[in-house]
Amino acid sequence: MLELRNIGLSLNGESGEAKEILRNINLTLEEGKLYGITGPNGGGKTSIAKVIMGIFSATQGQVLFNGEDITNLSITERARKGLAYAFQNPPRFKGIQVEEVMRIAKPGIDEMSIRGYLRDVGLCPEDYLARDLGANLSGGETKRLEVAQVLAKESQLTIFDEPEAGVDLWTIQKLINLIVTRHRGGANRTAVIISHNEQFLPVCDELVLVADGEIQEQGPTNAIWPLIRDDIICDCQIRNQCGGGFYEVQPS
């Protein structure tokens, strides 16, 4: 479905000098699978996702989607091709209601479907349909609403950037079940989850460990997760980055 070929990325720092962010990134994502991308803060995992979506433009290499070179396509063009991105910190827009933003996400959607997506992410339709998307929503509510939007789009490839950020433990488990149900084994459905969370990572089909701008390890979760959990391959000190370490959760 999606392939990154020898991706490199450099961005200008505060001094104006180019700083290398990613190097030699080669990654293939297949349909019907859940991929977890993890690693230390600043290691490059979110940068990979932003290159896929076109938020960052790769300075070298190619991005292929369904066999088509989309390296030079804009974010909007990639979205039309079937890519979607749920941000770690979703933007807020005052003066627009929840129902309106759901209709923007999926033109032609009916109210019953909107209500269903809101319930899926733990938001009561009666309480939220007419709510303003601005300051009236908490960070966790805004996060859940964005997940509802990207699910409504039914994109071929959906990237969830730290979906656990700002939500409670009950909601995390609900989101895990929702993402797994919608993407695992489905035709034209793939999910990428960027996370440190010990609940999200073990349910993925494959894990990609990114540190120092490179892919350090990748493979089936049942092979990679124990190494991450037990800190065997982590010179990057993932435990410290996650604020206390991973729990003993066995992959499914």
C-alpha atoms as a PDB file:
ATOM      1  CA  MET A   1       0.000   0.000   0.000  1.00  0.00           C
ATOM      2  CA  LEU A   2       2.615   2.566   1.077  1.00  0.00           C
ATOM      3  CA  GLU A   3       6.364   2.523   0.660  1.00  0.00           C
ATOM      4  CA  LEU A   4       9.093   4.895   1.813  1.00  0.00           C
ATOM      5  CA  ARG A   5      12.292   4.582  -0.200  1.00  0.00           C
ATOM      6  CA  ASN A   6      15.512   5.985   1.225  1.00  0.00           C
ATOM      7  CA  ILE A   7      13.761   8.971   2.790  1.00  0.00           C
ATOM      8  CA  GLY A   8      15.882  11.790   4.152  1.00  0.00           C
ATOM      9  CA  LEU A   9      14.645  14.968   5.814  1.00  0.00           C
ATOM     10  CA  SER A  10      16.433  18.157   6.806  1.00  0.00           C
ATOM     11  CA  LEU A  11      14.764  21.185   8.386  1.00  0.00           C
ATOM     12  CA  ASN A  12      16.079  24.637   9.175  1.00  0.00           C
ATOM     13  CA  GLY A  13      16.772  25.170  12.868  1.00  0.00           C
ATOM     14  CA  GLU A  14      16.486  28.380  14.873  1.00  0.00           C
ATOM     15  CA  SER A  15      19.913  29.442  13.624  1.00  0.00           C
ATOM     16  CA  GLY A  16      18.772  29.050  10.032  1.00  0.00           C
ATOM     17  CA  GLU A  17      21.106  26.128   9.410  1.00  0.00           C
ATOM     18  CA  ALA A  18      19.698  22.895   8.027  1.00  0.00           C
ATOM     19  CA  LYS A  19      19.490  20.070  10.554  1.00  0.00           C
ATOM     20  CA  GLU A  20      19.227  16.439   9.515  1.00  0.00           C
ATOM     21  CA  ILE A  21      16.062  14.910  11.005  1.00  0.00           C
ATOM     22  CA  LEU A  22      15.717  11.619   9.104  1.00  0.00           C
ATOM     23  CA  ARG A  23      18.125   9.489   7.108  1.00  0.00           C
ATOM     24  CA  ASN A  24      17.854   6.291   5.080  1.00  0.00           C
ATOM     25  CA  ILE A  25      14.238   5.569   6.031  1.00  0.00           C
ATOM     26  CA  ASN A  26      12.936   2.496   4.200  1.00  0.00           C
ATOM     27  CA  LEU A  27       9.515   1.234   5.219  1.00  0.00           C
ATOM     28  CA  THR A  28       6.678  -0.727   3.606  1.00  0.00           C
ATOM     29  CA  LEU A  29       3.127  -0.714   4.982  1.00  0.00           C
ATOM     30  CA  GLU A  30       0.641  -3.371   3.874  1.00  0.00           C
ATOM     31  CA  GLU A  31      -3.140  -3.103   3.859  1.00  0.00           C
ATOM     32  CA  GLY A  32      -5.161  -4.582   6.686  1.00  0.00           C
ATOM     33  CA  LYS A  33      -2.416  -4.140   9.281  1.00  0.00           C
ATOM     34  CA  LEU A  34      -1.777  -1.970  12.327  1.00  0.00           C
ATOM     35  CA  TYR A  35       1.711  -0.509  12.592  1.00  0.00           C
ATOM     36  CA  GLY A  36       3.134   1.004  15.743  1.00  0.00           C
ATOM     37  CA  ILE A  37       5.931   3.561  15.455  1.00  0.00           C
ATOM     38  CA  THR A  38       7.696   4.236  18.725  1.00  0.00           C
ATOM     39  CA  GLY A  39      10.936   5.650  20.074  1.00  0.00           C
ATOM     40  CA  PRO A  40      12.319   8.502  22.166  1.00  0.00           C
ATOM     41  CA  ASN A  41      11.069  12.066  21.937  1.00  0.00           C
ATOM     42  CA  GLY A  42      12.861  13.845  19.115  1.00  0.00           C
ATOM     43  CA  GLY A  43      13.924  10.549  17.548  1.00  0.00           C
ATOM     44  CA  GLY A  44      12.031  11.108  14.305  1.00  0.00           C
ATOM     45  CA  LYS A  45       8.849   9.035  14.600  1.00  0.00           C
ATOM     46  CA  THR A  46       6.418  11.928  14.092  1.00  0.00           C
ATOM     47  CA  SER A  47       8.627  13.319  11.327  1.00  0.00           C
ATOM     48  CA  ILE A  48       8.192  10.051   9.407  1.00  0.00           C
ATOM     49  CA  ALA A  49       4.420  10.378   9.715  1.00  0.00           C
ATOM     50  CA  LYS A  50       4.510  13.997   8.554  1.00  0.00           C
ATOM     51  CA  VAL A  51       6.583  13.030   5.510  1.00  0.00           C
ATOM     52  CA  ILE A  52       3.983  10.371   4.665  1.00  0.00           C
ATOM     53  CA  MET A  53       1.181  12.933   4.919  1.00  0.00           C
ATOM     54  CA  GLY A  54       3.086  15.686   3.099  1.00  0.00           C
ATOM     55  CA  ILE A  55       3.283  18.042   6.068  1.00  0.00           C
ATOM     56  CA  PHE A  56       7.068  17.836   5.692  1.00  0.00           C
ATOM     57  CA  SER A  57       8.667  17.525   2.252  1.00  0.00           C
ATOM     58  CA  ALA A  58      11.363  14.865   2.058  1.00  0.00           C
ATOM     59  CA  THR A  59      14.743  16.215   0.993  1.00  0.00           C
ATOM     60  CA  GLN A  60      15.581  12.886  -0.601  1.00  0.00           C
ATOM     61  CA  GLY A  61      13.877   9.621  -1.486  1.00  0.00           C
ATOM     62  CA  GLN A  62      10.383   8.662  -2.616  1.00  0.00           C
ATOM     63  CA  VAL A  63       6.946   8.165  -1.088  1.00  0.00           C
ATOM     64  CA  LEU A  64       4.820   5.645  -3.001  1.00  0.00           C
ATOM     65  CA  PHE A  65       1.118   5.022  -2.355  1.00  0.00           C
ATOM     66  CA  ASN A  66      -0.631   2.198  -4.190  1.00  0.00           C
ATOM     67  CA  GLY A  67       2.290   2.153  -6.606  1.00  0.00           C
ATOM     68  CA  GLU A  68       2.038   5.875  -7.402  1.00  0.00           C
ATOM     69  CA  ASP A  69       4.811   8.331  -6.608  1.00  0.00           C
ATOM     70  CA  ILE A  70       3.199  10.940  -4.332  1.00  0.00           C
ATOM     71  CA  THR A  71       6.460  12.521  -3.142  1.00  0.00           C
ATOM     72  CA  ASN A  72       5.614  15.928  -4.570  1.00  0.00           C
ATOM     73  CA  LEU A  73       1.876  15.933  -3.862  1.00  0.00           C
ATOM     74  CA  SER A  74       0.351  18.377  -1.376  1.00  0.00           C
ATOM     75  CA  ILE A  75      -1.441  17.419   1.847  1.00  0.00           C
ATOM     76  CA  THR A  76      -4.805  17.999   0.159  1.00  0.00           C
ATOM     77  CA  GLU A  77      -3.887  15.851  -2.822  1.00  0.00           C
ATOM     78  CA  ARG A  78      -2.713  13.048  -0.556  1.00  0.00           C
ATOM     79  CA  ALA A  79      -5.937  13.247   1.426  1.00  0.00           C
ATOM     80  CA  ARG A  80      -7.883  12.813  -1.803  1.00  0.00           C
ATOM     81  CA  LYS A  81      -5.777   9.754  -2.587  1.00  0.00           C
ATOM     82  CA  GLY A  82      -6.832   8.170   0.716  1.00  0.00           C
ATOM     83  CA  LEU A  83      -4.452   9.332   3.467  1.00  0.00           C
ATOM     84  CA  ALA A  84      -5.610  10.826   6.779  1.00  0.00           C
ATOM     85  CA  TYR A  85      -3.783  12.197   9.828  1.00  0.00           C
ATOM     86  CA  ALA A  86      -5.008  12.627  13.409  1.00  0.00           C
ATOM     87  CA  PHE A  87      -2.710  15.168  15.078  1.00  0.00           C
ATOM     88  CA  GLN A  88      -1.210  14.803  18.534  1.00  0.00           C
ATOM     89  CA  ASN A  89      -2.553  18.275  19.360  1.00  0.00           C
ATOM     90  CA  PRO A  90      -5.573  18.890  17.110  1.00  0.00           C
ATOM     91  CA  PRO A  91      -6.165  22.487  15.981  1.00  0.00           C
ATOM     92  CA  ARG A  92      -9.139  24.351  17.444  1.00  0.00           C
ATOM     93  CA  PHE A  93     -11.547  26.418  15.366  1.00  0.00           C
ATOM     94  CA  LYS A  94     -13.929  28.794  17.098  1.00  0.00           C
ATOM     95  CA  GLY A  95     -17.332  29.462  15.614  1.00  0.00           C
ATOM     96  CA  ILE A  96     -17.875  26.023  14.105  1.00  0.00           C
ATOM     97  CA  GLN A  97     -20.008  23.321  15.667  1.00  0.00           C
ATOM     98  CA  VAL A  98     -19.167  19.643  16.078  1.00  0.00           C
ATOM     99  CA  GLU A  99     -21.855  18.582  13.600  1.00  0.00           C
ATOM    100  CA  GLU A 100     -20.469  20.982  10.992  1.00  0.00           C
ATOM    101  CA  VAL A 101     -16.906  19.744  11.317  1.00  0.00           C
ATOM    102  CA  MET A 102     -18.089  16.136  10.919  1.00  0.00           C
ATOM    103  CA  ARG A 103     -19.861  17.122   7.689  1.00  0.00           C
ATOM    104  CA  ILE A 104     -16.683  18.793   6.457  1.00  0.00           C
ATOM    105  CA  ALA A 105     -14.753  15.593   7.197  1.00  0.00           C
ATOM    106  CA  LYS A 106     -17.226  13.507   5.199  1.00  0.00           C
ATOM    107  CA  PRO A 107     -19.493  15.503   2.860  1.00  0.00           C
ATOM    108  CA  GLY A 108     -22.953  14.008   2.553  1.00  0.00           C
ATOM    109  CA  ILE A 109     -22.826  12.177   5.875  1.00  0.00           C
ATOM    110  CA  ASP A 110     -26.232  11.892   7.575  1.00  0.00           C
ATOM    111  CA  GLU A 111     -26.966  12.801  11.178  1.00  0.00           C
ATOM    112  CA  MET A 112     -27.443   9.187  12.262  1.00  0.00           C
ATOM    113  CA  SER A 113     -23.930   8.324  11.061  1.00  0.00           C
ATOM    114  CA  ILE A 114     -22.485  11.380  12.809  1.00  0.00           C
ATOM    115  CA  ARG A 115     -24.133  10.279  16.022  1.00  0.00           C
ATOM    116  CA  GLY A 116     -22.665   6.816  15.587  1.00  0.00           C
ATOM    117  CA  TYR A 117     -19.104   8.103  15.149  1.00  0.00           C
ATOM    118  CA  LEU A 118     -19.445  10.337  18.204  1.00  0.00           C
ATOM    119  CA  ARG A 119     -20.683   7.425  20.304  1.00  0.00           C
ATOM    120  CA  ASP A 120     -17.798   5.304  19.022  1.00  0.00           C
ATOM    121  CA  VAL A 121     -15.296   7.707  20.577  1.00  0.00           C
ATOM    122  CA  GLY A 122     -17.247   8.150  23.796  1.00  0.00           C
ATOM    123  CA  LEU A 123     -18.972  11.476  23.067  1.00  0.00           C
ATOM    124  CA  CYS A 124     -22.726  11.662  23.687  1.00  0.00           C
ATOM    125  CA  PRO A 125     -24.358  13.120  20.532  1.00  0.00           C
ATOM    126  CA  GLU A 126     -27.019  14.961  22.520  1.00  0.00           C
ATOM    127  CA  ASP A 127     -24.298  16.815  24.416  1.00  0.00           C
ATOM    128  CA  TYR A 128     -21.886  17.466  21.544  1.00  0.00           C
ATOM    129  CA  LEU A 129     -23.634  17.933  18.183  1.00  0.00           C
ATOM    130  CA  ALA A 130     -24.236  21.649  18.748  1.00  0.00           C
ATOM    131  CA  ARG A 131     -21.075  22.310  20.789  1.00  0.00           C
ATOM    132  CA  ASP A 132     -18.566  24.860  19.546  1.00  0.00           C
ATOM    133  CA  LEU A 133     -15.226  23.388  18.507  1.00  0.00           C
ATOM    134  CA  GLY A 134     -13.326  26.207  20.197  1.00  0.00           C
ATOM    135  CA  ALA A 135     -12.612  26.820  23.844  1.00  0.00           C
ATOM    136  CA  ASN A 136     -15.693  24.920  25.036  1.00  0.00           C
ATOM    137  CA  LEU A 137     -14.011  21.551  24.460  1.00  0.00           C
ATOM    138  CA  SER A 138     -11.247  20.083  26.611  1.00  0.00           C
ATOM    139  CA  GLY A 139      -8.072  18.678  25.092  1.00  0.00           C
ATOM    140  CA  GLY A 140      -9.323  15.119  25.497  1.00  0.00           C
ATOM    141  CA  GLU A 141     -12.690  15.947  23.929  1.00  0.00           C
ATOM    142  CA  THR A 142     -10.976  17.654  20.988  1.00  0.00           C
ATOM    143  CA  LYS A 143      -8.745  14.611  20.557  1.00  0.00           C
ATOM    144  CA  ARG A 144     -11.681  12.207  20.512  1.00  0.00           C
ATOM    145  CA  LEU A 145     -13.552  14.394  18.059  1.00  0.00           C
ATOM    146  CA  GLU A 146     -10.612  14.363  15.668  1.00  0.00           C
ATOM    147  CA  VAL A 147     -10.498  10.559  15.852  1.00  0.00           C
ATOM    148  CA  ALA A 148     -14.211  10.541  14.976  1.00  0.00           C
ATOM    149  CA  GLN A 149     -13.468  12.771  11.970  1.00  0.00           C
ATOM    150  CA  VAL A 150     -10.690  10.606  10.548  1.00  0.00           C
ATOM    151  CA  LEU A 151     -12.749   7.446  11.065  1.00  0.00           C
ATOM    152  CA  ALA A 152     -15.654   9.062   9.204  1.00  0.00           C
ATOM    153  CA  LYS A 153     -13.367   9.713   6.234  1.00  0.00           C
ATOM    154  CA  GLU A 154     -12.783   5.945   5.877  1.00  0.00           C
ATOM    155  CA  SER A 155      -9.329   6.591   4.408  1.00  0.00           C
ATOM    156  CA  GLN A 156      -7.118   3.785   3.154  1.00  0.00           C
ATOM    157  CA  LEU A 157      -4.238   4.831   5.409  1.00  0.00           C
ATOM    158  CA  THR A 158      -4.853   6.619   8.699  1.00  0.00           C
ATOM    159  CA  ILE A 159      -2.087   7.927  10.954  1.00  0.00           C
ATOM    160  CA  PHE A 160      -2.878   8.394  14.651  1.00  0.00           C
ATOM    161  CA  ASP A 161      -0.249  10.590  16.328  1.00  0.00           C
ATOM    162  CA  GLU A 162      -0.250   9.721  20.052  1.00  0.00           C
ATOM    163  CA  PRO A 163      -4.004   9.005  20.225  1.00  0.00           C
ATOM    164  CA  GLU A 164      -3.709   8.507  23.990  1.00  0.00           C
ATOM    165  CA  ALA A 165      -2.649  12.128  24.599  1.00  0.00           C
ATOM    166  CA  GLY A 166      -5.012  13.932  26.950  1.00  0.00           C
ATOM    167  CA  VAL A 167      -7.536  11.105  27.319  1.00  0.00           C
ATOM    168  CA  ASP A 168      -8.363   8.943  30.329  1.00  0.00           C
ATOM    169  CA  LEU A 169      -7.539   5.252  30.701  1.00  0.00           C
ATOM    170  CA  TRP A 170     -11.101   4.138  29.926  1.00  0.00           C
ATOM    171  CA  THR A 171     -11.084   6.127  26.690  1.00  0.00           C
ATOM    172  CA  ILE A 172      -7.675   4.733  25.707  1.00  0.00           C
ATOM    173  CA  GLN A 173      -9.020   1.175  25.836  1.00  0.00           C
ATOM    174  CA  LYS A 174     -12.101   2.220  23.877  1.00  0.00           C
ATOM    175  CA  LEU A 175      -9.935   3.864  21.203  1.00  0.00           C
ATOM    176  CA  ILE A 176      -7.718   0.777  20.982  1.00  0.00           C
ATOM    177  CA  ASN A 177     -10.725  -1.469  20.385  1.00  0.00           C
ATOM    178  CA  LEU A 178     -12.133   0.976  17.842  1.00  0.00           C
ATOM    179  CA  ILE A 179      -8.922   1.317  15.824  1.00  0.00           C
ATOM    180  CA  VAL A 180      -8.273  -2.434  15.851  1.00  0.00           C
ATOM    181  CA  THR A 181     -11.837  -3.251  14.773  1.00  0.00           C
ATOM    182  CA  ARG A 182     -11.831  -0.700  11.941  1.00  0.00           C
ATOM    183  CA  HIS A 183      -8.423  -1.501  10.472  1.00  0.00           C
ATOM    184  CA  ARG A 184      -7.152  -4.993  11.210  1.00  0.00           C
ATOM    185  CA  GLY A 185      -7.690  -7.414   8.340  1.00  0.00           C
ATOM    186  CA  GLY A 186      -9.814  -5.024   6.304  1.00  0.00           C
ATOM    187  CA  ALA A 187      -9.301  -4.451   2.594  1.00  0.00           C
ATOM    188  CA  ASN A 188      -7.907  -0.975   1.867  1.00  0.00           C
ATOM    189  CA  ARG A 189      -7.541  -0.194   5.562  1.00  0.00           C
ATOM    190  CA  THR A 190      -4.214   0.406   7.288  1.00  0.00           C
ATOM    191  CA  ALA A 191      -3.453   2.276  10.501  1.00  0.00           C
ATOM    192  CA  VAL A 192      -0.214   3.752  11.801  1.00  0.00           C
ATOM    193  CA  ILE A 193      -0.124   4.487  15.531  1.00  0.00           C
ATOM    194  CA  ILE A 194       2.645   6.735  16.846  1.00  0.00           C
ATOM    195  CA  SER A 195       2.863   6.071  20.548  1.00  0.00           C
ATOM    196  CA  HIS A 196       4.847   5.397  23.708  1.00  0.00           C
ATOM    197  CA  ASN A 197       1.813   3.817  25.302  1.00  0.00           C
ATOM    198  CA  GLU A 198       2.160   0.287  26.656  1.00  0.00           C
ATOM    199  CA  GLN A 199      -1.513  -0.401  25.875  1.00  0.00           C
ATOM    200  CA  PHE A 200      -1.414   0.603  22.213  1.00  0.00           C
ATOM    201  CA  LEU A 201       1.883  -0.936  21.121  1.00  0.00           C
ATOM    202  CA  PRO A 202       1.237  -4.612  21.932  1.00  0.00           C
ATOM    203  CA  VAL A 203      -1.966  -4.729  19.858  1.00  0.00           C
ATOM    204  CA  CYS A 204      -0.164  -3.669  16.668  1.00  0.00           C
ATOM    205  CA  ASP A 205       0.769  -6.243  14.035  1.00  0.00           C
ATOM    206  CA  GLU A 206       4.235  -4.780  13.508  1.00  0.00           C
ATOM    207  CA  LEU A 207       6.418  -2.321  15.397  1.00  0.00           C
ATOM    208  CA  VAL A 208       8.958   0.176  14.115  1.00  0.00           C
ATOM    209  CA  LEU A 209      11.507   1.585  16.565  1.00  0.00           C
ATOM    210  CA  VAL A 210      12.863   4.982  15.518  1.00  0.00           C
ATOM    211  CA  ALA A 211      15.752   6.788  17.215  1.00  0.00           C
ATOM    212  CA  ASP A 212      18.386   9.299  16.126  1.00  0.00           C
ATOM    213  CA  GLY A 213      16.569   9.832  12.831  1.00  0.00           C
ATOM    214  CA  GLU A 214      16.805   6.208  11.734  1.00  0.00           C
ATOM    215  CA  ILE A 215      14.811   2.993  11.960  1.00  0.00           C
ATOM    216  CA  GLN A 216      16.653   0.952  14.579  1.00  0.00           C
ATOM    217  CA  GLU A 217      14.424  -2.141  14.554  1.00  0.00           C
ATOM    218  CA  GLN A 218      11.250  -3.271  12.827  1.00  0.00           C
ATOM    219  CA  GLY A 219       9.294  -6.479  12.629  1.00  0.00           C
ATOM    220  CA  PRO A 220       6.378  -8.480  14.057  1.00  0.00           C
ATOM    221  CA  THR A 221       5.171  -7.252  17.424  1.00  0.00           C
ATOM    222  CA  ASN A 222       5.721 -10.605  19.122  1.00  0.00           C
ATOM    223  CA  ALA A 223       9.417 -10.307  18.238  1.00  0.00           C
ATOM    224  CA  ILE A 224      10.017  -6.579  18.770  1.00  0.00           C
ATOM    225  CA  TRP A 225       7.769  -5.757  21.733  1.00  0.00           C
ATOM    226  CA  PRO A 226       9.602  -7.904  24.324  1.00  0.00           C
ATOM    227  CA  LEU A 227      12.878  -6.250  23.331  1.00  0.00           C
ATOM    228  CA  ILE A 228      11.410  -2.772  23.758  1.00  0.00           C
ATOM    229  CA  ARG A 229       9.584  -3.700  26.964  1.00  0.00           C
ATOM    230  CA  ASP A 230      12.680  -5.198  28.548  1.00  0.00           C
ATOM    231  CA  ASP A 231      14.936  -2.363  27.321  1.00  0.00           C
ATOM    232  CA  ILE A 232      17.168  -4.787  25.418  1.00  0.00           C
ATOM    233  CA  ILE A 233      17.504  -2.745  22.223  1.00  0.00           C
ATOM    234  CA  CYS A 234      16.944   0.699  23.715  1.00  0.00           C
ATOM    235  CA  ASP A 235      20.131   2.698  23.907  1.00  0.00           C
ATOM    236  CA  CYS A 236      17.681   5.565  23.355  1.00  0.00           C
ATOM    237  CA  GLN A 237      16.232   5.169  26.870  1.00  0.00           C
ATOM    238  CA  ILE A 238      12.600   4.799  25.859  1.00  0.00           C
ATOM    239  CA  ARG A 239      11.636   4.070  29.464  1.00  0.00           C
ATOM    240  CA  ASN A 240      12.732   7.518  30.608  1.00  0.00           C
ATOM    241  CA  GLN A 241      11.030   9.193  27.659  1.00  0.00           C
ATOM    242  CA  CYS A 242       7.750   7.525  28.592  1.00  0.00           C
ATOM    243  CA  GLY A 243       7.822   8.690  32.158  1.00  0.00           C
ATOM    244  CA  GLY A 244       8.353   5.482  34.034  1.00  0.00           C
ATOM    245  CA  GLY A 245       8.593   2.564  31.677  1.00  0.00           C
ATOM    246  CA  PHE A 246       6.389  -0.003  30.033  1.00  0.00           C
ATOM    247  CA  TYR A 247       4.148  -2.451  31.822  1.00  0.00           C
ATOM    248  CA  GLU A 248       4.181  -6.203  31.390  1.00  0.00           C
ATOM    249  CA  VAL A 249       1.588  -6.421  28.638  1.00  0.00           C
ATOM    250  CA  GLN A 250       1.791  -9.405  26.338  1.00  0.00           C
ATOM    251  CA  PRO A 251       1.117  -8.892  22.614  1.00  0.00           C
ATOM    252  CA  SER A 252      -1.929 -10.574  21.168  1.00  0.00           C
END
